[in-house]
Amino acid sequence: MKIVPISLPTPFYIVPVNVYLVAEDPVTLIDTGPKTKEAADTLRAALRREGLAVSDIRRIVLTHAHEDHCGLARSLRDEAKDAQVLVHGWETGHQAGRLEYEETRQLLVRAGVPVPEVETMRRMYEGVRQYADPLDDDHCGELSDEAELEFESGVLQVLHTPGHTPGSCSFIRHADRTVIAGDCVLKRITPNPILSPDPIDRSRRFRSLEEYLVSLARVRSLAPTLVLGGHGEPVHDYEELFHRYLRAIDGRQSQVIRLVPTSGATAWEVSRAMFPSTDDVHRFLGVSEAVAHLDYAHSEGRLSLEISDGRELYRRLAAD
């Protein structure tokens, strides 16, 4: 099975987004890049180097539904004459922007984000939405954990690896233990656990960091020899990276707990203390990071949690 990495420019980061072409029947693209002319032109040139065109794509598989990974899915599907699009059922970003959902706005208010700030975040994300065309559920097939994507010379097995988003998926070629991991595994940075409604009960918050730690351990249990991430270089020593991630997460946990006074603080207040210079949409990422670590510290019994005036208030325990 020939897996071809393709690096595409993205308006969101300095580091390009990686998509992966499986250049055999059925021709499959894992992630698509954002909906920009630069990304589309770069993708077409990469396909030509493999003797292929967009019309040859039969299947589009999404690791997750952030704009830099799913933005071109609809236009490519249409140009390829209804190529199959597959995404996990717990993903919703391919339908509409994350902050367009009332449940997400309510989670932000519960985290202590002032209502005017929530609206500012939402308006900022309207700009981000231009980089992805929405896909309705009836346009998509569903990825299921441990299902197999068959190819002419082998298979990729689906691994549901939630954390970065609820429906994030990775894919393993067992023959040589190669994993395509999307934003679950990135060599240079620890992925952000994005604030999301729980896919089972959308009035609750998805416990992103706890789930992410389980996903990292699951990938580790497969003893991968090569991990191909959604940004940056491939990972050849996952064991070393796994322990580096754990150290980084533990360090952030300690920082977050120190920032919570015994008198109490909201996730918004903690995020502003952690990232005082962030603005615009990055404040959403900051509060996502704070919420994830506060949830995890609470589940580990290191913080208490109460509801006051509809907001979650965390308190540091005297022992800490």
C-alpha atoms as a PDB file:
ATOM      1  CA  MET A   1       0.000   0.000   0.000  1.00  0.00           C
ATOM      2  CA  LYS A   2       1.508   3.299  -1.105  1.00  0.00           C
ATOM      3  CA  ILE A   3       0.890   6.170   1.336  1.00  0.00           C
ATOM      4  CA  VAL A   4       1.944   9.547  -0.064  1.00  0.00           C
ATOM      5  CA  PRO A   5       2.251  12.500   2.377  1.00  0.00           C
ATOM      6  CA  ILE A   6       1.192  15.856   0.934  1.00  0.00           C
ATOM      7  CA  SER A   7       1.973  19.114   2.734  1.00  0.00           C
ATOM      8  CA  LEU A   8      -0.564  21.897   2.108  1.00  0.00           C
ATOM      9  CA  PRO A   9      -0.419  25.593   3.040  1.00  0.00           C
ATOM     10  CA  THR A  10      -2.976  26.719   5.602  1.00  0.00           C
ATOM     11  CA  PRO A  11      -4.009  30.200   6.721  1.00  0.00           C
ATOM     12  CA  PHE A  12      -4.171  29.137  10.370  1.00  0.00           C
ATOM     13  CA  TYR A  13      -0.599  28.185  11.252  1.00  0.00           C
ATOM     14  CA  ILE A  14       2.964  28.639  10.131  1.00  0.00           C
ATOM     15  CA  VAL A  15       3.241  24.832   9.983  1.00  0.00           C
ATOM     16  CA  PRO A  16       1.394  23.383   6.940  1.00  0.00           C
ATOM     17  CA  VAL A  17      -1.275  20.705   7.261  1.00  0.00           C
ATOM     18  CA  ASN A  18      -0.428  17.151   6.210  1.00  0.00           C
ATOM     19  CA  VAL A  19      -2.872  15.098   4.181  1.00  0.00           C
ATOM     20  CA  TYR A  20      -2.220  11.559   3.000  1.00  0.00           C
ATOM     21  CA  LEU A  21      -2.945   9.958  -0.353  1.00  0.00           C
ATOM     22  CA  VAL A  22      -3.347   6.202  -0.622  1.00  0.00           C
ATOM     23  CA  ALA A  23      -2.446   5.843  -4.276  1.00  0.00           C
ATOM     24  CA  GLU A  24      -4.106   2.558  -5.117  1.00  0.00           C
ATOM     25  CA  ASP A  25      -7.613   1.289  -5.708  1.00  0.00           C
ATOM     26  CA  PRO A  26      -9.795   2.755  -4.315  1.00  0.00           C
ATOM     27  CA  VAL A  27      -7.809   5.995  -4.457  1.00  0.00           C
ATOM     28  CA  THR A  28      -8.275   7.560  -1.018  1.00  0.00           C
ATOM     29  CA  LEU A  29      -7.419  10.946   0.466  1.00  0.00           C
ATOM     30  CA  ILE A  30      -7.066  11.129   4.251  1.00  0.00           C
ATOM     31  CA  ASP A  31      -7.941  14.739   5.120  1.00  0.00           C
ATOM     32  CA  THR A  32      -8.177  17.430   2.479  1.00  0.00           C
ATOM     33  CA  GLY A  33      -6.648  20.685   3.688  1.00  0.00           C
ATOM     34  CA  PRO A  34      -8.499  24.019   3.954  1.00  0.00           C
ATOM     35  CA  LYS A  35     -10.689  25.512   1.257  1.00  0.00           C
ATOM     36  CA  THR A  36      -8.160  27.889  -0.268  1.00  0.00           C
ATOM     37  CA  LYS A  37      -6.862  28.231  -3.818  1.00  0.00           C
ATOM     38  CA  GLU A  38      -3.283  27.658  -2.604  1.00  0.00           C
ATOM     39  CA  ALA A  39      -4.175  24.388  -0.872  1.00  0.00           C
ATOM     40  CA  ALA A  40      -6.281  23.170  -3.803  1.00  0.00           C
ATOM     41  CA  ASP A  41      -3.561  23.982  -6.355  1.00  0.00           C
ATOM     42  CA  THR A  42      -0.881  22.273  -4.241  1.00  0.00           C
ATOM     43  CA  LEU A  43      -3.065  19.188  -3.851  1.00  0.00           C
ATOM     44  CA  ARG A  44      -3.755  18.978  -7.584  1.00  0.00           C
ATOM     45  CA  ALA A  45      -0.050  19.221  -8.367  1.00  0.00           C
ATOM     46  CA  ALA A  46       0.692  16.408  -5.911  1.00  0.00           C
ATOM     47  CA  LEU A  47      -1.974  14.224  -7.502  1.00  0.00           C
ATOM     48  CA  ARG A  48      -0.496  14.878 -10.967  1.00  0.00           C
ATOM     49  CA  ARG A  49       2.916  13.731  -9.751  1.00  0.00           C
ATOM     50  CA  GLU A  50       1.275  10.411  -8.910  1.00  0.00           C
ATOM     51  CA  GLY A  51      -0.423  10.241 -12.309  1.00  0.00           C
ATOM     52  CA  LEU A  52      -3.816  11.021 -10.764  1.00  0.00           C
ATOM     53  CA  ALA A  53      -6.488  13.719 -10.877  1.00  0.00           C
ATOM     54  CA  VAL A  54      -9.244  14.734  -8.475  1.00  0.00           C
ATOM     55  CA  SER A  55     -11.664  12.718 -10.607  1.00  0.00           C
ATOM     56  CA  ASP A  56      -9.752   9.554  -9.623  1.00  0.00           C
ATOM     57  CA  ILE A  57     -10.493   9.998  -5.897  1.00  0.00           C
ATOM     58  CA  ARG A  58     -13.029   7.442  -4.752  1.00  0.00           C
ATOM     59  CA  ARG A  59     -12.900   7.966  -1.005  1.00  0.00           C
ATOM     60  CA  ILE A  60     -12.252  10.932   1.329  1.00  0.00           C
ATOM     61  CA  VAL A  61     -11.565  10.015   4.952  1.00  0.00           C
ATOM     62  CA  LEU A  62     -11.473  12.700   7.657  1.00  0.00           C
ATOM     63  CA  THR A  63      -9.390  12.322  10.816  1.00  0.00           C
ATOM     64  CA  HIS A  64     -11.520  15.110  12.307  1.00  0.00           C
ATOM     65  CA  ALA A  65     -13.625  18.015  11.170  1.00  0.00           C
ATOM     66  CA  HIS A  66     -11.520  21.115  11.767  1.00  0.00           C
ATOM     67  CA  GLU A  67     -11.377  23.481   8.831  1.00  0.00           C
ATOM     68  CA  ASP A  68      -7.714  22.881   8.009  1.00  0.00           C
ATOM     69  CA  HIS A  69      -8.417  19.147   7.700  1.00  0.00           C
ATOM     70  CA  CYS A  70     -11.880  18.998   6.101  1.00  0.00           C
ATOM     71  CA  GLY A  71     -12.206  22.286   4.214  1.00  0.00           C
ATOM     72  CA  LEU A  72     -11.959  20.898   0.666  1.00  0.00           C
ATOM     73  CA  ALA A  73     -14.010  17.759   1.324  1.00  0.00           C
ATOM     74  CA  ARG A  74     -17.223  18.932  -0.291  1.00  0.00           C
ATOM     75  CA  SER A  75     -15.692  20.446  -3.422  1.00  0.00           C
ATOM     76  CA  LEU A  76     -13.428  17.426  -3.954  1.00  0.00           C
ATOM     77  CA  ARG A  77     -16.353  15.055  -3.439  1.00  0.00           C
ATOM     78  CA  ASP A  78     -18.414  16.928  -6.020  1.00  0.00           C
ATOM     79  CA  GLU A  79     -15.576  17.161  -8.551  1.00  0.00           C
ATOM     80  CA  ALA A  80     -14.823  13.464  -8.120  1.00  0.00           C
ATOM     81  CA  LYS A  81     -18.459  12.716  -8.910  1.00  0.00           C
ATOM     82  CA  ASP A  82     -19.697  11.809  -5.458  1.00  0.00           C
ATOM     83  CA  ALA A  83     -16.632  10.200  -3.940  1.00  0.00           C
ATOM     84  CA  GLN A  84     -17.496   8.655  -0.589  1.00  0.00           C
ATOM     85  CA  VAL A  85     -16.793  10.873   2.463  1.00  0.00           C
ATOM     86  CA  LEU A  86     -16.219   9.112   5.786  1.00  0.00           C
ATOM     87  CA  VAL A  87     -16.119  10.751   9.232  1.00  0.00           C
ATOM     88  CA  HIS A  88     -16.782   9.552  12.770  1.00  0.00           C
ATOM     89  CA  GLY A  89     -20.325  10.066  14.034  1.00  0.00           C
ATOM     90  CA  TRP A  90     -19.109  12.111  17.014  1.00  0.00           C
ATOM     91  CA  GLU A  91     -17.741  14.850  14.760  1.00  0.00           C
ATOM     92  CA  THR A  92     -19.942  17.868  13.990  1.00  0.00           C
ATOM     93  CA  GLY A  93     -17.545  20.507  12.639  1.00  0.00           C
ATOM     94  CA  HIS A  94     -18.185  19.370   9.056  1.00  0.00           C
ATOM     95  CA  GLN A  95     -21.809  20.532   9.435  1.00  0.00           C
ATOM     96  CA  ALA A  96     -21.337  24.002  10.930  1.00  0.00           C
ATOM     97  CA  GLY A  97     -18.793  26.052  12.833  1.00  0.00           C
ATOM     98  CA  ARG A  98     -18.099  25.002  16.407  1.00  0.00           C
ATOM     99  CA  LEU A  99     -19.411  28.208  17.947  1.00  0.00           C
ATOM    100  CA  GLU A 100     -22.585  28.152  15.871  1.00  0.00           C
ATOM    101  CA  TYR A 101     -23.987  25.481  18.193  1.00  0.00           C
ATOM    102  CA  GLU A 102     -26.038  26.747  21.128  1.00  0.00           C
ATOM    103  CA  GLU A 103     -24.680  23.914  23.296  1.00  0.00           C
ATOM    104  CA  THR A 104     -21.124  25.179  22.818  1.00  0.00           C
ATOM    105  CA  ARG A 105     -22.099  28.741  23.677  1.00  0.00           C
ATOM    106  CA  GLN A 106     -23.771  27.505  26.852  1.00  0.00           C
ATOM    107  CA  LEU A 107     -20.630  25.579  27.806  1.00  0.00           C
ATOM    108  CA  LEU A 108     -18.595  28.762  27.413  1.00  0.00           C
ATOM    109  CA  VAL A 109     -20.988  30.716  29.628  1.00  0.00           C
ATOM    110  CA  ARG A 110     -20.839  27.921  32.211  1.00  0.00           C
ATOM    111  CA  ALA A 111     -17.031  28.179  32.072  1.00  0.00           C
ATOM    112  CA  GLY A 112     -17.339  31.827  33.094  1.00  0.00           C
ATOM    113  CA  VAL A 113     -16.787  33.455  29.698  1.00  0.00           C
ATOM    114  CA  PRO A 114     -18.680  36.780  29.624  1.00  0.00           C
ATOM    115  CA  VAL A 115     -21.538  36.790  27.096  1.00  0.00           C
ATOM    116  CA  PRO A 116     -20.047  39.657  25.018  1.00  0.00           C
ATOM    117  CA  GLU A 117     -16.778  37.684  24.816  1.00  0.00           C
ATOM    118  CA  VAL A 118     -18.694  34.588  23.651  1.00  0.00           C
ATOM    119  CA  GLU A 119     -20.227  36.636  20.843  1.00  0.00           C
ATOM    120  CA  THR A 120     -16.809  38.035  19.907  1.00  0.00           C
ATOM    121  CA  MET A 121     -15.451  34.472  19.688  1.00  0.00           C
ATOM    122  CA  ARG A 122     -18.394  33.435  17.545  1.00  0.00           C
ATOM    123  CA  ARG A 123     -17.858  36.331  15.128  1.00  0.00           C
ATOM    124  CA  MET A 124     -14.168  35.482  14.868  1.00  0.00           C
ATOM    125  CA  TYR A 125     -15.061  31.900  13.951  1.00  0.00           C
ATOM    126  CA  GLU A 126     -17.323  33.134  11.185  1.00  0.00           C
ATOM    127  CA  GLY A 127     -14.119  34.156   9.443  1.00  0.00           C
ATOM    128  CA  VAL A 128     -12.637  30.712   9.980  1.00  0.00           C
ATOM    129  CA  ARG A 129     -15.712  29.057   8.443  1.00  0.00           C
ATOM    130  CA  GLN A 130     -14.852  30.460   5.014  1.00  0.00           C
ATOM    131  CA  TYR A 131     -12.157  27.786   4.810  1.00  0.00           C
ATOM    132  CA  ALA A 132     -14.624  24.873   4.830  1.00  0.00           C
ATOM    133  CA  ASP A 133     -17.873  24.084   3.035  1.00  0.00           C
ATOM    134  CA  PRO A 134     -20.386  22.303   5.292  1.00  0.00           C
ATOM    135  CA  LEU A 135     -21.292  18.675   4.648  1.00  0.00           C
ATOM    136  CA  ASP A 136     -24.638  17.309   5.759  1.00  0.00           C
ATOM    137  CA  ASP A 137     -24.768  13.928   7.469  1.00  0.00           C
ATOM    138  CA  ASP A 138     -26.508  12.418   4.458  1.00  0.00           C
ATOM    139  CA  HIS A 139     -23.385  13.279   2.438  1.00  0.00           C
ATOM    140  CA  CYS A 140     -21.148  11.274   4.778  1.00  0.00           C
ATOM    141  CA  GLY A 141     -20.611   7.670   5.705  1.00  0.00           C
ATOM    142  CA  GLU A 142     -19.602   6.891   9.276  1.00  0.00           C
ATOM    143  CA  LEU A 143     -16.235   5.665  10.493  1.00  0.00           C
ATOM    144  CA  SER A 144     -16.491   3.005  13.203  1.00  0.00           C
ATOM    145  CA  ASP A 145     -13.798   1.993  15.648  1.00  0.00           C
ATOM    146  CA  GLU A 146     -11.834  -1.081  14.487  1.00  0.00           C
ATOM    147  CA  ALA A 147     -13.543  -1.112  11.075  1.00  0.00           C
ATOM    148  CA  GLU A 148     -11.250  -1.736   8.121  1.00  0.00           C
ATOM    149  CA  LEU A 149     -10.706   0.397   5.033  1.00  0.00           C
ATOM    150  CA  GLU A 150      -9.839  -2.067   2.310  1.00  0.00           C
ATOM    151  CA  PHE A 151      -7.402  -1.394  -0.516  1.00  0.00           C
ATOM    152  CA  GLU A 152      -6.029  -3.438  -3.376  1.00  0.00           C
ATOM    153  CA  SER A 153      -2.950  -4.527  -1.393  1.00  0.00           C
ATOM    154  CA  GLY A 154      -3.980  -4.198   2.236  1.00  0.00           C
ATOM    155  CA  VAL A 155      -6.132  -2.489   4.845  1.00  0.00           C
ATOM    156  CA  LEU A 156      -6.089   0.441   7.222  1.00  0.00           C
ATOM    157  CA  GLN A 157      -7.878  -0.181  10.507  1.00  0.00           C
ATOM    158  CA  VAL A 158      -9.834   2.672  12.068  1.00  0.00           C
ATOM    159  CA  LEU A 159      -8.840   3.694  15.590  1.00  0.00           C
ATOM    160  CA  HIS A 160     -11.196   6.043  17.386  1.00  0.00           C
ATOM    161  CA  THR A 161      -8.755   8.331  19.240  1.00  0.00           C
ATOM    162  CA  PRO A 162     -10.871  11.050  20.887  1.00  0.00           C
ATOM    163  CA  GLY A 163      -9.369  13.980  22.742  1.00  0.00           C
ATOM    164  CA  HIS A 164      -8.477  16.760  20.318  1.00  0.00           C
ATOM    165  CA  THR A 165     -12.113  16.388  19.218  1.00  0.00           C
ATOM    166  CA  PRO A 166     -14.708  13.797  20.269  1.00  0.00           C
ATOM    167  CA  GLY A 167     -14.666  12.028  16.912  1.00  0.00           C
ATOM    168  CA  SER A 168     -10.951  12.183  16.089  1.00  0.00           C
ATOM    169  CA  CYS A 169      -9.767   9.026  14.338  1.00  0.00           C
ATOM    170  CA  SER A 170      -6.406   7.506  13.490  1.00  0.00           C
ATOM    171  CA  PHE A 171      -5.635   4.684  11.074  1.00  0.00           C
ATOM    172  CA  ILE A 172      -3.124   1.842  11.406  1.00  0.00           C
ATOM    173  CA  ARG A 173      -1.502  -0.375   8.805  1.00  0.00           C
ATOM    174  CA  HIS A 174      -0.755  -3.402  10.964  1.00  0.00           C
ATOM    175  CA  ALA A 175       1.691  -4.901   8.447  1.00  0.00           C
ATOM    176  CA  ASP A 176       4.373  -2.404   9.472  1.00  0.00           C
ATOM    177  CA  ARG A 177       2.602  -0.625  12.370  1.00  0.00           C
ATOM    178  CA  THR A 178       2.324   2.704  10.546  1.00  0.00           C
ATOM    179  CA  VAL A 179      -0.253   5.030  12.105  1.00  0.00           C
ATOM    180  CA  ILE A 180      -1.867   8.030  10.420  1.00  0.00           C
ATOM    181  CA  ALA A 181      -2.895  10.063  13.450  1.00  0.00           C
ATOM    182  CA  GLY A 182      -4.288  13.421  12.342  1.00  0.00           C
ATOM    183  CA  ASP A 183      -3.931  15.871  15.231  1.00  0.00           C
ATOM    184  CA  CYS A 184      -3.842  13.159  17.884  1.00  0.00           C
ATOM    185  CA  VAL A 185      -0.046  12.970  17.610  1.00  0.00           C
ATOM    186  CA  LEU A 186       2.121  15.931  16.591  1.00  0.00           C
ATOM    187  CA  LYS A 187       5.887  15.862  16.913  1.00  0.00           C
ATOM    188  CA  ARG A 188       6.564  19.445  18.040  1.00  0.00           C
ATOM    189  CA  ILE A 189       3.476  20.399  20.061  1.00  0.00           C
ATOM    190  CA  THR A 190       0.882  18.853  22.353  1.00  0.00           C
ATOM    191  CA  PRO A 191      -2.514  19.039  20.610  1.00  0.00           C
ATOM    192  CA  ASN A 192      -5.131  21.336  22.112  1.00  0.00           C
ATOM    193  CA  PRO A 193      -8.115  19.553  23.730  1.00  0.00           C
ATOM    194  CA  ILE A 194     -10.953  21.556  22.178  1.00  0.00           C
ATOM    195  CA  LEU A 195     -14.003  22.468  24.248  1.00  0.00           C
ATOM    196  CA  SER A 196     -16.893  20.394  22.886  1.00  0.00           C
ATOM    197  CA  PRO A 197     -20.315  19.165  23.959  1.00  0.00           C
ATOM    198  CA  ASP A 198     -20.406  15.508  24.955  1.00  0.00           C
ATOM    199  CA  PRO A 199     -21.658  13.539  21.924  1.00  0.00           C
ATOM    200  CA  ILE A 200     -23.875  11.329  24.110  1.00  0.00           C
ATOM    201  CA  ASP A 201     -25.384  14.105  26.237  1.00  0.00           C
ATOM    202  CA  ARG A 202     -24.896  17.464  24.554  1.00  0.00           C
ATOM    203  CA  SER A 203     -25.872  19.377  27.685  1.00  0.00           C
ATOM    204  CA  ARG A 204     -22.640  18.107  29.265  1.00  0.00           C
ATOM    205  CA  ARG A 205     -19.015  18.806  28.413  1.00  0.00           C
ATOM    206  CA  PHE A 206     -16.824  16.239  26.687  1.00  0.00           C
ATOM    207  CA  ARG A 207     -13.965  15.252  29.010  1.00  0.00           C
ATOM    208  CA  SER A 208     -11.342  15.903  26.374  1.00  0.00           C
ATOM    209  CA  LEU A 209      -8.089  15.547  28.315  1.00  0.00           C
ATOM    210  CA  GLU A 210      -9.101  12.333  30.073  1.00  0.00           C
ATOM    211  CA  GLU A 211     -10.137  10.825  26.745  1.00  0.00           C
ATOM    212  CA  TYR A 212      -6.958  12.079  25.092  1.00  0.00           C
ATOM    213  CA  LEU A 213      -4.746  10.327  27.631  1.00  0.00           C
ATOM    214  CA  VAL A 214      -6.607   7.068  26.936  1.00  0.00           C
ATOM    215  CA  SER A 215      -6.099   7.585  23.186  1.00  0.00           C
ATOM    216  CA  LEU A 216      -2.357   8.183  23.616  1.00  0.00           C
ATOM    217  CA  ALA A 217      -2.079   4.984  25.649  1.00  0.00           C
ATOM    218  CA  ARG A 218      -4.040   3.076  23.023  1.00  0.00           C
ATOM    219  CA  VAL A 219      -1.679   4.186  20.267  1.00  0.00           C
ATOM    220  CA  ARG A 220       1.256   3.225  22.495  1.00  0.00           C
ATOM    221  CA  SER A 221      -0.186  -0.279  23.000  1.00  0.00           C
ATOM    222  CA  LEU A 222       0.127  -0.831  19.237  1.00  0.00           C
ATOM    223  CA  ALA A 223       3.901  -0.192  19.347  1.00  0.00           C
ATOM    224  CA  PRO A 224       3.886   2.002  16.224  1.00  0.00           C
ATOM    225  CA  THR A 225       7.074   2.179  14.190  1.00  0.00           C
ATOM    226  CA  LEU A 226       5.999   5.334  12.333  1.00  0.00           C
ATOM    227  CA  VAL A 227       3.338   7.921  13.173  1.00  0.00           C
ATOM    228  CA  LEU A 228       2.237  10.357  10.487  1.00  0.00           C
ATOM    229  CA  GLY A 229       0.659  13.419  12.095  1.00  0.00           C
ATOM    230  CA  GLY A 230      -1.581  16.187  10.842  1.00  0.00           C
ATOM    231  CA  HIS A 231       1.204  18.804  11.064  1.00  0.00           C
ATOM    232  CA  GLY A 232       4.964  18.672  11.098  1.00  0.00           C
ATOM    233  CA  GLU A 233       7.399  15.808  10.658  1.00  0.00           C
ATOM    234  CA  PRO A 234       6.721  12.106  11.092  1.00  0.00           C
ATOM    235  CA  VAL A 235       7.355  10.513  14.492  1.00  0.00           C
ATOM    236  CA  HIS A 236       9.787   7.587  14.514  1.00  0.00           C
ATOM    237  CA  ASP A 237      10.079   7.215  18.290  1.00  0.00           C
ATOM    238  CA  TYR A 238       6.566   7.302  19.670  1.00  0.00           C
ATOM    239  CA  GLU A 239       7.656   5.974  23.064  1.00  0.00           C
ATOM    240  CA  GLU A 240       9.847   9.028  23.646  1.00  0.00           C
ATOM    241  CA  LEU A 241       7.101  11.369  22.443  1.00  0.00           C
ATOM    242  CA  PHE A 242       4.501   9.638  24.638  1.00  0.00           C
ATOM    243  CA  HIS A 243       6.538  10.304  27.770  1.00  0.00           C
ATOM    244  CA  ARG A 244       7.252  13.884  26.647  1.00  0.00           C
ATOM    245  CA  TYR A 245       3.506  14.432  26.278  1.00  0.00           C
ATOM    246  CA  LEU A 246       2.889  13.066  29.770  1.00  0.00           C
ATOM    247  CA  ARG A 247       5.520  15.390  31.240  1.00  0.00           C
ATOM    248  CA  ALA A 248       4.007  18.377  29.436  1.00  0.00           C
ATOM    249  CA  ILE A 249       0.499  17.517  30.576  1.00  0.00           C
ATOM    250  CA  ASP A 250       1.681  16.991  34.150  1.00  0.00           C
ATOM    251  CA  GLY A 251       3.467  20.353  34.068  1.00  0.00           C
ATOM    252  CA  ARG A 252       0.355  22.106  32.799  1.00  0.00           C
ATOM    253  CA  GLN A 253      -1.715  20.381  35.515  1.00  0.00           C
ATOM    254  CA  SER A 254       0.579  21.781  38.186  1.00  0.00           C
ATOM    255  CA  GLN A 255       0.396  25.257  36.652  1.00  0.00           C
ATOM    256  CA  VAL A 256      -3.402  25.208  36.473  1.00  0.00           C
ATOM    257  CA  ILE A 257      -3.816  24.029  40.059  1.00  0.00           C
ATOM    258  CA  ARG A 258      -1.482  26.774  41.307  1.00  0.00           C
ATOM    259  CA  LEU A 259      -3.640  29.358  39.523  1.00  0.00           C
ATOM    260  CA  VAL A 260      -6.822  28.260  41.316  1.00  0.00           C
ATOM    261  CA  PRO A 261      -7.227  30.043  44.681  1.00  0.00           C
ATOM    262  CA  THR A 262      -9.028  28.504  47.644  1.00  0.00           C
ATOM    263  CA  SER A 263     -11.639  31.230  47.142  1.00  0.00           C
ATOM    264  CA  GLY A 264     -12.375  29.809  43.700  1.00  0.00           C
ATOM    265  CA  ALA A 265     -11.990  30.695  40.015  1.00  0.00           C
ATOM    266  CA  THR A 266     -13.766  29.995  36.749  1.00  0.00           C
ATOM    267  CA  ALA A 267     -12.095  28.362  33.761  1.00  0.00           C
ATOM    268  CA  TRP A 268     -12.219  31.735  32.002  1.00  0.00           C
ATOM    269  CA  GLU A 269     -10.307  33.409  34.829  1.00  0.00           C
ATOM    270  CA  VAL A 270      -7.719  30.632  34.845  1.00  0.00           C
ATOM    271  CA  SER A 271      -7.313  30.862  31.054  1.00  0.00           C
ATOM    272  CA  ARG A 272      -6.702  34.619  31.215  1.00  0.00           C
ATOM    273  CA  ALA A 273      -4.041  34.068  33.872  1.00  0.00           C
ATOM    274  CA  MET A 274      -2.437  31.324  31.756  1.00  0.00           C
ATOM    275  CA  PHE A 275      -2.570  33.200  28.448  1.00  0.00           C
ATOM    276  CA  PRO A 276      -2.882  36.930  29.248  1.00  0.00           C
ATOM    277  CA  SER A 277      -1.753  38.159  25.835  1.00  0.00           C
ATOM    278  CA  THR A 278      -4.076  36.076  23.651  1.00  0.00           C
ATOM    279  CA  ASP A 279      -6.844  37.753  21.706  1.00  0.00           C
ATOM    280  CA  ASP A 280      -9.620  36.966  19.262  1.00  0.00           C
ATOM    281  CA  VAL A 281     -10.166  33.296  18.493  1.00  0.00           C
ATOM    282  CA  HIS A 282      -7.129  32.234  20.509  1.00  0.00           C
ATOM    283  CA  ARG A 283      -9.073  33.024  23.652  1.00  0.00           C
ATOM    284  CA  PHE A 284     -11.393  30.142  22.761  1.00  0.00           C
ATOM    285  CA  LEU A 285      -8.382  27.835  22.504  1.00  0.00           C
ATOM    286  CA  GLY A 286      -7.113  29.176  25.825  1.00  0.00           C
ATOM    287  CA  VAL A 287     -10.357  28.518  27.673  1.00  0.00           C
ATOM    288  CA  SER A 288     -10.506  25.068  26.035  1.00  0.00           C
ATOM    289  CA  GLU A 289      -7.083  24.277  27.477  1.00  0.00           C
ATOM    290  CA  ALA A 290      -8.063  25.573  30.924  1.00  0.00           C
ATOM    291  CA  VAL A 291     -11.355  23.650  31.016  1.00  0.00           C
ATOM    292  CA  ALA A 292      -9.681  20.404  29.970  1.00  0.00           C
ATOM    293  CA  HIS A 293      -7.084  20.611  32.732  1.00  0.00           C
ATOM    294  CA  LEU A 294      -9.557  21.778  35.367  1.00  0.00           C
ATOM    295  CA  ASP A 295     -11.861  18.867  34.526  1.00  0.00           C
ATOM    296  CA  TYR A 296      -8.981  16.448  34.807  1.00  0.00           C
ATOM    297  CA  ALA A 297      -7.725  17.913  38.097  1.00  0.00           C
ATOM    298  CA  HIS A 298     -11.260  17.684  39.493  1.00  0.00           C
ATOM    299  CA  SER A 299     -11.618  14.056  38.389  1.00  0.00           C
ATOM    300  CA  GLU A 300      -8.321  13.304  40.149  1.00  0.00           C
ATOM    301  CA  GLY A 301      -9.636  14.853  43.379  1.00  0.00           C
ATOM    302  CA  ARG A 302      -7.237  17.807  43.322  1.00  0.00           C
ATOM    303  CA  LEU A 303      -9.885  20.525  42.924  1.00  0.00           C
ATOM    304  CA  SER A 304     -13.447  20.949  44.125  1.00  0.00           C
ATOM    305  CA  LEU A 305     -16.222  22.142  41.816  1.00  0.00           C
ATOM    306  CA  GLU A 306     -19.466  23.961  42.509  1.00  0.00           C
ATOM    307  CA  ILE A 307     -22.037  25.850  40.457  1.00  0.00           C
ATOM    308  CA  SER A 308     -22.580  29.510  41.349  1.00  0.00           C
ATOM    309  CA  ASP A 309     -24.977  31.691  39.318  1.00  0.00           C
ATOM    310  CA  GLY A 310     -24.813  29.242  36.431  1.00  0.00           C
ATOM    311  CA  ARG A 311     -21.008  29.275  36.333  1.00  0.00           C
ATOM    312  CA  GLU A 312     -18.614  26.522  37.355  1.00  0.00           C
ATOM    313  CA  LEU A 313     -16.340  27.578  40.171  1.00  0.00           C
ATOM    314  CA  TYR A 314     -13.220  25.535  40.929  1.00  0.00           C
ATOM    315  CA  ARG A 315     -11.515  25.716  44.308  1.00  0.00           C
ATOM    316  CA  ARG A 316      -8.082  24.506  45.281  1.00  0.00           C
ATOM    317  CA  LEU A 317      -8.132  22.014  48.140  1.00  0.00           C
ATOM    318  CA  ALA A 318      -6.239  22.959  51.263  1.00  0.00           C
ATOM    319  CA  ALA A 319      -3.896  19.968  50.868  1.00  0.00           C
ATOM    320  CA  ASP A 320      -2.679  21.352  47.517  1.00  0.00           C
END
